Protein backbone atom coordinates (compact mmCIF):
# COMPACT_ATOMS: atom_id res chain seq x y z
CA MET A 1 -74.40 3.68 -45.13
CA LYS A 2 -74.56 7.35 -44.30
CA THR A 3 -76.03 8.10 -40.87
CA SER A 4 -77.22 11.65 -41.50
CA GLY A 5 -79.18 13.39 -44.23
CA ASN A 6 -81.56 10.46 -44.70
CA THR A 7 -85.35 10.48 -44.83
CA ILE A 8 -86.48 7.61 -42.64
CA PHE A 9 -89.89 6.00 -42.09
CA ILE A 10 -90.28 4.07 -38.81
CA SER A 11 -93.37 1.97 -38.20
CA GLY A 12 -94.33 1.64 -34.55
CA GLY A 13 -92.30 4.78 -33.98
CA SER A 14 -94.32 6.35 -31.19
CA ALA A 15 -92.97 4.20 -28.35
CA GLY A 16 -90.49 1.54 -27.32
CA ILE A 17 -87.79 0.43 -29.73
CA GLY A 18 -89.24 2.48 -32.59
CA LEU A 19 -89.15 5.72 -30.61
CA ALA A 20 -85.64 5.01 -29.31
CA ILE A 21 -84.43 4.53 -32.89
CA ALA A 22 -86.26 7.68 -33.95
CA LYS A 23 -84.52 9.68 -31.21
CA LYS A 24 -81.10 8.35 -32.13
CA LEU A 25 -81.51 9.01 -35.85
CA SER A 26 -83.22 12.36 -35.34
CA ALA A 27 -80.33 13.56 -33.18
CA ALA A 28 -77.91 12.52 -35.94
CA GLY A 29 -79.49 14.89 -38.45
CA ASN A 30 -82.01 12.75 -40.28
CA LYS A 31 -85.58 13.57 -41.28
CA ILE A 32 -87.86 11.19 -39.38
CA ILE A 33 -91.36 10.00 -40.23
CA ILE A 34 -92.92 8.02 -37.41
CA ASN A 35 -95.99 5.86 -37.81
CA GLY A 36 -98.45 4.47 -35.30
CA ARG A 37 -102.14 3.85 -34.69
CA ASN A 38 -102.67 6.32 -31.84
CA GLU A 39 -102.64 10.03 -32.69
CA GLU A 40 -102.10 11.13 -29.08
CA ARG A 41 -99.04 8.92 -28.70
CA LEU A 42 -97.66 10.09 -32.02
CA GLN A 43 -97.97 13.73 -31.02
CA SER A 44 -96.36 13.02 -27.67
CA ALA A 45 -93.44 11.28 -29.41
CA LEU A 46 -92.95 14.20 -31.81
CA LYS A 47 -92.22 16.46 -28.82
CA GLU A 48 -89.11 14.35 -28.21
CA LEU A 49 -87.84 14.56 -31.78
CA ASP A 50 -86.32 17.16 -34.09
CA ASN A 51 -87.15 17.39 -37.79
CA ALA A 52 -89.90 14.79 -37.51
CA ILE A 53 -93.49 14.29 -38.61
CA ALA A 54 -96.06 11.60 -38.00
CA ILE A 55 -98.33 9.58 -40.26
CA LYS A 56 -101.15 7.85 -38.44
CA GLY A 57 -102.19 4.45 -39.72
CA ASP A 58 -102.41 0.74 -38.99
CA LEU A 59 -99.96 -1.15 -41.19
CA SER A 60 -101.69 -4.43 -40.39
CA LEU A 61 -104.50 -3.19 -42.68
CA GLN A 62 -103.86 -3.34 -46.41
CA SER A 63 -105.86 -0.16 -47.06
CA ASP A 64 -103.68 1.77 -44.60
CA ARG A 65 -100.50 0.34 -46.09
CA ILE A 66 -101.54 1.50 -49.55
CA ASN A 67 -102.52 4.94 -48.25
CA ILE A 68 -99.30 5.46 -46.29
CA ALA A 69 -97.13 4.34 -49.19
CA ALA A 70 -98.97 6.79 -51.45
CA GLN A 71 -98.40 9.62 -48.96
CA LEU A 72 -94.70 8.80 -48.81
CA LYS A 73 -94.41 8.82 -52.59
CA SER A 74 -96.26 12.14 -52.96
CA ASN A 75 -94.95 14.05 -49.95
CA HIS A 76 -91.54 12.48 -49.26
CA PRO A 77 -89.98 11.54 -52.60
CA ASP A 78 -86.55 11.53 -50.94
CA LEU A 79 -87.48 8.61 -48.66
CA ASN A 80 -84.50 6.28 -48.60
CA ILE A 81 -84.85 4.18 -45.44
CA ILE A 82 -87.79 2.22 -44.07
CA ILE A 83 -87.64 0.56 -40.67
CA ASN A 84 -90.24 -2.19 -40.28
CA ASN A 85 -90.61 -2.17 -36.50
CA ALA A 86 -94.35 -2.41 -35.75
CA GLY A 87 -95.24 -5.76 -34.22
CA ALA A 88 -97.79 -7.86 -32.41
CA ALA A 89 -97.18 -10.48 -29.73
CA PHE A 90 -99.40 -12.60 -27.51
CA ILE A 91 -98.73 -15.14 -24.80
CA ASN A 92 -100.19 -18.19 -26.50
CA ASP A 93 -100.78 -21.32 -24.42
CA LEU A 94 -101.05 -24.12 -26.96
CA SER A 95 -102.33 -26.54 -24.30
CA ASP A 96 -105.47 -24.45 -23.67
CA ILE A 97 -108.18 -25.43 -26.15
CA ASN A 98 -110.10 -22.25 -25.32
CA ASN A 99 -107.13 -20.01 -25.99
CA ASN A 100 -107.91 -19.06 -29.60
CA SER A 101 -104.33 -19.98 -30.51
CA ALA A 102 -104.89 -19.76 -34.24
CA GLU A 103 -106.53 -16.33 -34.00
CA LYS A 104 -103.56 -14.97 -32.05
CA ALA A 105 -101.17 -16.56 -34.52
CA TYR A 106 -103.02 -14.99 -37.43
CA LEU A 107 -102.71 -11.51 -35.91
CA GLU A 108 -99.00 -12.02 -35.27
CA ILE A 109 -98.27 -13.41 -38.74
CA ASN A 110 -100.28 -10.65 -40.39
CA THR A 111 -98.56 -7.82 -38.50
CA ASN A 112 -95.05 -9.22 -38.14
CA TYR A 113 -94.69 -10.86 -41.55
CA ILE A 114 -97.38 -10.35 -44.21
CA SER A 115 -97.69 -6.60 -43.65
CA VAL A 116 -93.92 -6.18 -43.83
CA ILE A 117 -93.76 -7.97 -47.17
CA ASP A 118 -96.60 -5.88 -48.59
CA PHE A 119 -95.42 -2.51 -47.25
CA THR A 120 -91.88 -3.19 -48.43
CA ALA A 121 -93.17 -4.02 -51.91
CA LEU A 122 -95.24 -0.82 -51.94
CA THR A 123 -92.29 1.39 -51.00
CA LEU A 124 -89.60 -0.47 -52.93
CA PRO A 125 -90.01 1.49 -56.20
CA LEU A 126 -89.33 4.74 -54.31
CA LEU A 127 -86.35 3.29 -52.46
CA LEU A 128 -84.82 2.04 -55.68
CA GLN A 129 -84.83 5.59 -57.07
CA GLN A 130 -82.43 6.79 -54.37
CA ALA A 131 -78.65 6.96 -54.56
CA GLU A 132 -78.45 5.02 -51.30
CA ALA A 133 -81.28 3.21 -49.53
CA ALA A 134 -81.97 0.64 -46.84
CA ILE A 135 -84.68 -1.66 -45.58
CA ILE A 136 -84.32 -2.43 -41.87
CA ASN A 137 -86.40 -5.23 -40.39
CA ILE A 138 -86.66 -5.53 -36.61
CA SER A 139 -86.91 -9.23 -35.88
CA SER A 140 -86.07 -10.86 -32.53
CA ILE A 141 -83.87 -13.24 -30.58
CA ALA A 142 -86.94 -15.47 -30.88
CA VAL A 143 -86.04 -16.34 -34.49
CA PHE A 144 -83.41 -18.72 -33.11
CA ARG A 145 -85.47 -20.55 -30.48
CA SER A 146 -89.15 -20.57 -29.61
CA ASN A 147 -90.64 -21.21 -26.16
CA LYS A 148 -93.94 -22.20 -24.58
CA TYR A 149 -94.98 -18.60 -23.90
CA LEU A 150 -94.51 -17.13 -27.36
CA PRO A 151 -94.57 -20.04 -29.82
CA THR A 152 -96.55 -18.33 -32.55
CA TYR A 153 -94.85 -14.96 -32.11
CA SER A 154 -91.52 -16.73 -32.49
CA ALA A 155 -92.80 -18.44 -35.63
CA SER A 156 -93.85 -15.09 -37.12
CA LYS A 157 -90.42 -13.60 -36.45
CA ALA A 158 -88.72 -16.68 -37.87
CA ALA A 159 -90.77 -16.14 -41.03
CA LEU A 160 -89.67 -12.49 -41.10
CA HIS A 161 -86.05 -13.62 -40.70
CA SER A 162 -86.33 -16.03 -43.63
CA TYR A 163 -87.98 -13.36 -45.79
CA THR A 164 -85.25 -10.86 -44.89
CA GLN A 165 -82.54 -13.28 -45.94
CA GLY A 166 -84.31 -13.87 -49.24
CA LEU A 167 -84.76 -10.14 -49.78
CA ARG A 168 -81.05 -9.58 -49.13
CA ASP A 169 -80.14 -12.29 -51.63
CA THR A 170 -82.51 -10.78 -54.19
CA PHE A 171 -80.72 -7.43 -54.08
CA ALA A 172 -77.23 -8.74 -53.37
CA GLU A 173 -75.87 -7.20 -56.57
CA ASN A 174 -77.56 -3.84 -56.03
CA ASP A 175 -75.00 -1.67 -54.25
CA LYS A 176 -77.56 1.10 -53.67
CA LEU A 177 -79.98 -0.95 -51.53
CA ASN A 178 -78.93 -2.57 -48.27
CA ILE A 179 -81.01 -4.99 -46.20
CA TYR A 180 -80.54 -4.97 -42.43
CA GLU A 181 -81.98 -7.26 -39.77
CA VAL A 182 -81.93 -6.33 -36.08
CA TYR A 183 -82.27 -9.05 -33.42
CA PRO A 184 -83.30 -7.51 -30.09
CA PRO A 185 -83.46 -9.72 -26.99
CA LEU A 186 -85.98 -8.95 -24.25
CA VAL A 187 -86.35 -5.16 -24.16
CA ASN A 188 -87.88 -3.06 -21.40
CA THR A 189 -90.88 -1.59 -23.21
CA GLU A 190 -94.63 -1.46 -22.75
CA PHE A 191 -94.88 -3.93 -25.63
CA SER A 192 -93.00 -6.60 -23.66
CA ALA A 193 -94.38 -5.82 -20.19
CA GLU A 194 -96.57 -8.94 -20.16
CA ILE A 195 -93.56 -11.21 -20.66
CA GLY A 196 -91.25 -9.64 -18.09
CA GLY A 197 -89.94 -6.74 -20.12
CA ALA A 198 -88.87 -4.93 -16.94
CA ASN A 199 -85.93 -7.37 -16.85
CA GLY A 200 -84.87 -6.49 -20.39
CA ILE A 201 -82.35 -4.08 -21.84
CA PRO A 202 -83.27 -0.43 -22.47
CA PRO A 203 -84.57 0.28 -25.99
CA SER A 204 -81.79 2.84 -26.42
CA GLU A 205 -79.32 -0.06 -26.56
CA VAL A 206 -81.08 -1.40 -29.65
CA ALA A 207 -80.93 2.05 -31.25
CA ASP A 208 -77.23 2.40 -30.46
CA GLU A 209 -76.41 -0.98 -31.99
CA LEU A 210 -78.38 -0.18 -35.14
CA PHE A 211 -76.62 3.17 -35.52
CA THR A 212 -73.21 1.49 -35.24
CA ALA A 213 -74.28 -1.12 -37.78
CA LEU A 214 -75.30 1.58 -40.24
CA GLU A 215 -71.92 3.26 -39.82
CA ASN A 216 -70.10 -0.03 -40.46
CA ASN A 217 -72.34 -1.51 -43.18
CA GLN A 218 -73.05 -4.44 -40.86
CA PHE A 219 -76.27 -5.90 -42.16
CA GLU A 220 -76.78 -8.48 -39.39
CA VAL A 221 -77.40 -6.65 -36.11
CA PRO A 222 -77.60 -8.85 -33.01
CA VAL A 223 -78.18 -6.98 -29.76
CA GLY A 224 -77.39 -7.98 -26.18
CA ASP A 225 -77.91 -11.68 -25.49
CA SER A 226 -78.74 -12.23 -29.16
CA LYS A 227 -75.04 -11.85 -29.94
CA LYS A 228 -74.17 -15.13 -28.23
CA ILE A 229 -76.69 -17.13 -30.25
CA HIS A 230 -76.14 -15.21 -33.47
CA GLN A 231 -72.41 -15.90 -33.36
CA LEU A 232 -73.14 -19.62 -33.38
CA VAL A 233 -75.96 -19.59 -35.92
CA VAL A 234 -75.40 -16.69 -38.31
CA PRO A 235 -71.88 -15.23 -38.36
CA VAL A 236 -71.85 -11.47 -38.86
CA SER A 237 -71.21 -10.75 -42.53
CA GLU A 238 -71.32 -7.64 -44.66
CA LYS A 239 -73.91 -8.97 -47.10
């Protein structure tokens, strides 16, 4: 996969892993479109990027997904990479009957799984028009093993993982469309602060690993501690 000259949409691109990926790909000579819900944060992120614009919107809402996909089709017909990075996560104590466990799970499944399926379907016709295209889903080390702190988040990422595998199989014979999955471990971002993110790897490490994977057409992209588990569960393969 070429690593420059692409037009790339990154959801959740105003901070954390999304912004780190945006910086890496912007510096490599790509046109970047970042998405997020907060206009102030988007504008702040743009100051750190070259050749980038922002589209505000909440991809967990179907109306926003439809609107953003329409904007991409009209204003960015050369779009050839989408990075589904926006996510939701909650510490969810299943032993606490007053915890609203199902409500938290619904928000996670909607953002981390359902919205990805819908937004991918909305942008797929445009991607399929390109000479070379990619869909990059940011999943998690949590797809391999849940825990008592993030049981429903882990389940939502496991669902995303399963969907990504199915999507890759669906387009296995299409040499123009590649499906990547990135498995970050704990990353030091505001998103993960509640679960000890300060002990995690820098988001730039995720961006570096993704960039190398793009260069090498490596569609499975374990990062950091995820590599140990991934090697046992899902050997790195080209497709």
